[in-house]
């Protein structure tokens, strides 16, 4: 993997609770709070200079901006939600560019598993565990924060184990 074990291990304790919170709020309220996105970006801004080489840190900040612009355009086209676009932008700096192919595989598998799990829970008595969740009543809309947060968490966990 392109991310170092050290960097992944430093980022993980700060990022993991944010990922869980994003998944939970998207499931329960169908929204990703701006505070969570800002906190995720702040983790990179504060911790990044201590665990990444300066060029990698700077490129991470550039990726944040590029992914944010792309996300805004996709949101304007109606392809993704605004919270999803902002979370993807805040998550982008944590991903080593050489790991993009791996990240897409993790995301695809995670998205499929999350979608199936959500739909099974939605249409079975499992939905009674959390009866007030808005995601149960949104038709075909899916809480992507579940997959986005999960993907970043899995990527950093794999980086902590198998990183360079």
Protein backbone atom coordinates (compact mmCIF):
# COMPACT_ATOMS: atom_id res chain seq x y z
CA UNK A 1 0.00 0.00 0.00
CA UNK A 2 1.10 3.55 -0.62
CA UNK A 3 0.11 4.85 2.82
CA UNK A 4 2.66 4.20 5.52
CA UNK A 5 1.74 2.01 8.47
CA UNK A 6 2.77 4.82 10.78
CA UNK A 7 0.55 7.44 9.10
CA UNK A 8 -2.44 5.10 9.03
CA UNK A 9 -1.98 4.24 12.70
CA UNK A 10 -1.78 7.92 13.66
CA UNK A 11 -4.84 8.88 11.60
CA UNK A 12 -6.99 5.90 12.58
CA UNK A 13 -7.91 6.77 16.20
CA UNK A 14 -9.07 10.23 15.13
CA UNK A 15 -10.78 9.24 11.88
CA UNK A 16 -12.56 6.05 12.99
CA UNK A 17 -15.04 7.74 15.38
CA UNK A 18 -15.85 10.33 12.70
CA UNK A 19 -16.53 7.56 10.17
CA UNK A 20 -18.87 5.80 12.62
CA UNK A 21 -20.65 9.07 13.37
CA UNK A 22 -21.09 9.85 9.66
CA UNK A 23 -22.51 6.38 8.99
CA UNK A 24 -24.89 6.67 11.95
CA UNK A 25 -26.18 10.14 11.12
CA UNK A 26 -26.66 9.27 7.47
CA UNK A 27 -28.62 6.16 8.44
CA UNK A 28 -30.70 7.92 11.06
CA UNK A 29 -31.17 11.37 9.51
CA UNK A 30 -30.12 10.96 5.85
CA UNK A 31 -27.56 13.72 6.20
CA UNK A 32 -23.86 14.06 6.87
CA UNK A 33 -23.28 16.94 9.28
CA UNK A 34 -20.92 19.70 8.21
CA UNK A 35 -19.25 19.52 11.62
CA UNK A 36 -18.18 15.92 10.95
CA UNK A 37 -16.76 16.86 7.56
CA UNK A 38 -14.91 19.85 9.00
CA UNK A 39 -13.57 17.72 11.84
CA UNK A 40 -12.32 15.10 9.37
CA UNK A 41 -10.53 17.78 7.35
CA UNK A 42 -9.13 19.27 10.57
CA UNK A 43 -7.67 15.90 11.55
CA UNK A 44 -5.68 15.85 8.31
CA UNK A 45 -4.63 19.49 8.65
CA UNK A 46 -3.45 19.05 12.25
CA UNK A 47 -2.04 15.49 12.26
CA UNK A 48 -0.86 15.32 8.64
CA UNK A 49 2.26 17.51 8.96
CA UNK A 50 3.56 15.28 11.75
CA UNK A 51 3.08 11.94 9.99
CA UNK A 52 3.50 12.69 6.27
CA UNK A 53 6.37 14.10 4.25
CA UNK A 54 5.72 17.75 3.39
CA UNK A 55 5.16 17.10 -0.36
CA UNK A 56 2.62 14.34 0.41
CA UNK A 57 0.88 16.62 2.89
CA UNK A 58 0.64 19.44 0.34
CA UNK A 59 -0.67 17.09 -2.35
CA UNK A 60 -3.28 15.86 0.12
CA UNK A 61 -4.56 19.39 0.55
CA UNK A 62 -4.68 19.82 -3.23
CA UNK A 63 -6.66 16.54 -3.55
CA UNK A 64 -9.13 17.89 -1.00
CA UNK A 65 -9.78 20.93 -3.20
CA UNK A 66 -9.97 18.97 -6.46
CA UNK A 67 -12.36 16.36 -5.06
CA UNK A 68 -14.50 19.13 -3.55
CA UNK A 69 -14.84 20.88 -6.93
CA UNK A 70 -15.70 17.58 -8.65
CA UNK A 71 -18.17 16.77 -5.87
CA UNK A 72 -19.87 20.16 -6.19
CA UNK A 73 -20.30 19.57 -9.93
CA UNK A 74 -21.69 16.05 -9.34
CA UNK A 75 -24.04 17.43 -6.70
CA UNK A 76 -25.23 20.17 -9.04
CA UNK A 77 -25.94 17.48 -11.65
CA UNK A 78 -27.97 15.55 -9.06
CA UNK A 79 -25.62 12.55 -9.09
CA UNK A 80 -24.64 12.64 -5.40
CA UNK A 81 -25.71 14.39 -2.22
CA UNK A 82 -23.93 17.48 -0.93
CA UNK A 83 -22.86 15.74 2.28
CA UNK A 84 -21.44 12.84 0.28
CA UNK A 85 -19.44 15.26 -1.88
CA UNK A 86 -18.08 17.11 1.14
CA UNK A 87 -17.19 13.90 2.98
CA UNK A 88 -15.39 12.52 -0.08
CA UNK A 89 -13.40 15.74 -0.33
CA UNK A 90 -12.45 15.67 3.36
CA UNK A 91 -11.47 11.98 3.04
CA UNK A 92 -9.39 12.44 -0.13
CA UNK A 93 -6.20 13.68 1.58
CA UNK A 94 -5.96 10.50 3.64
CA UNK A 95 -5.72 8.31 0.53
CA UNK A 96 -2.31 7.73 -1.04
CA UNK A 97 -2.59 8.31 -4.82
CA UNK A 98 -1.01 4.92 -5.52
CA UNK A 99 -3.83 3.26 -3.56
CA UNK A 100 -6.67 4.62 -5.72
CA UNK A 101 -7.31 1.29 -7.44
CA UNK A 102 -7.40 -0.50 -4.07
CA UNK A 103 -9.69 2.18 -2.67
CA UNK A 104 -12.13 1.70 -5.55
CA UNK A 105 -12.20 -2.05 -4.90
CA UNK A 106 -12.82 -1.46 -1.19
CA UNK A 107 -15.53 1.07 -2.02
CA UNK A 108 -17.28 -1.22 -4.53
CA UNK A 109 -17.32 -4.16 -2.11
CA UNK A 110 -18.36 -1.94 0.78
CA UNK A 111 -21.12 -0.27 -1.23
CA UNK A 112 -22.56 -3.62 -2.31
CA UNK A 113 -22.41 -5.05 1.22
CA UNK A 114 -23.86 -1.89 2.78
CA UNK A 115 -26.68 -1.66 0.23
CA UNK A 116 -27.69 -5.30 0.65
CA UNK A 117 -27.45 -5.09 4.45
CA UNK A 118 -29.49 -1.88 4.54
CA UNK A 119 -32.19 -3.30 2.29
CA UNK A 120 -32.39 -6.57 4.22
CA UNK A 121 -32.72 -4.63 7.47
CA UNK A 122 -35.21 -2.21 5.93
CA UNK A 123 -37.63 -4.89 4.74
CA UNK A 124 -37.40 -7.22 7.75
CA UNK A 125 -38.19 -6.88 11.44
CA UNK A 126 -34.57 -5.75 11.93
CA UNK A 127 -35.74 -2.22 11.11
CA UNK A 128 -37.57 -2.22 14.46
CA UNK A 129 -34.20 -2.02 16.21
CA UNK A 130 -34.05 1.62 15.07
CA UNK A 131 -37.65 2.55 14.24
CA UNK A 132 -37.05 6.29 13.86
CA UNK A 133 -34.34 6.10 11.20
CA UNK A 134 -35.16 8.24 8.22
CA UNK A 135 -33.28 5.95 5.80
CA UNK A 136 -36.00 3.30 6.16
CA UNK A 137 -38.55 5.62 4.52
CA UNK A 138 -36.54 7.14 1.67
CA UNK A 139 -37.60 4.85 -1.16
CA UNK A 140 -34.64 4.07 -3.41
CA UNK A 141 -32.38 6.70 -1.83
CA UNK A 142 -29.47 5.16 0.02
CA UNK A 143 -27.39 6.64 2.89
CA UNK A 144 -24.00 6.75 1.15
CA UNK A 145 -22.31 7.92 4.35
CA UNK A 146 -22.52 4.31 5.47
CA UNK A 147 -20.32 3.24 2.55
CA UNK A 148 -18.11 6.31 2.43
CA UNK A 149 -17.31 6.22 6.12
CA UNK A 150 -16.84 2.47 6.02
CA UNK A 151 -14.50 2.68 3.05
CA UNK A 152 -12.23 5.24 4.69
CA UNK A 153 -12.18 3.26 7.94
CA UNK A 154 -11.36 -0.02 6.17
CA UNK A 155 -8.67 1.66 4.06
CA UNK A 156 -6.92 3.11 7.13
CA UNK A 157 -7.22 -0.19 9.03
CA UNK A 158 -5.65 -2.04 6.10
CA UNK A 159 -2.98 0.67 5.93
CA UNK A 160 -2.21 0.20 9.62
CA UNK A 161 -1.64 -3.52 8.97
CA UNK A 162 -0.22 -3.66 5.44
CA UNK A 163 1.07 -0.12 4.85
CA UNK A 164 4.49 0.63 3.46
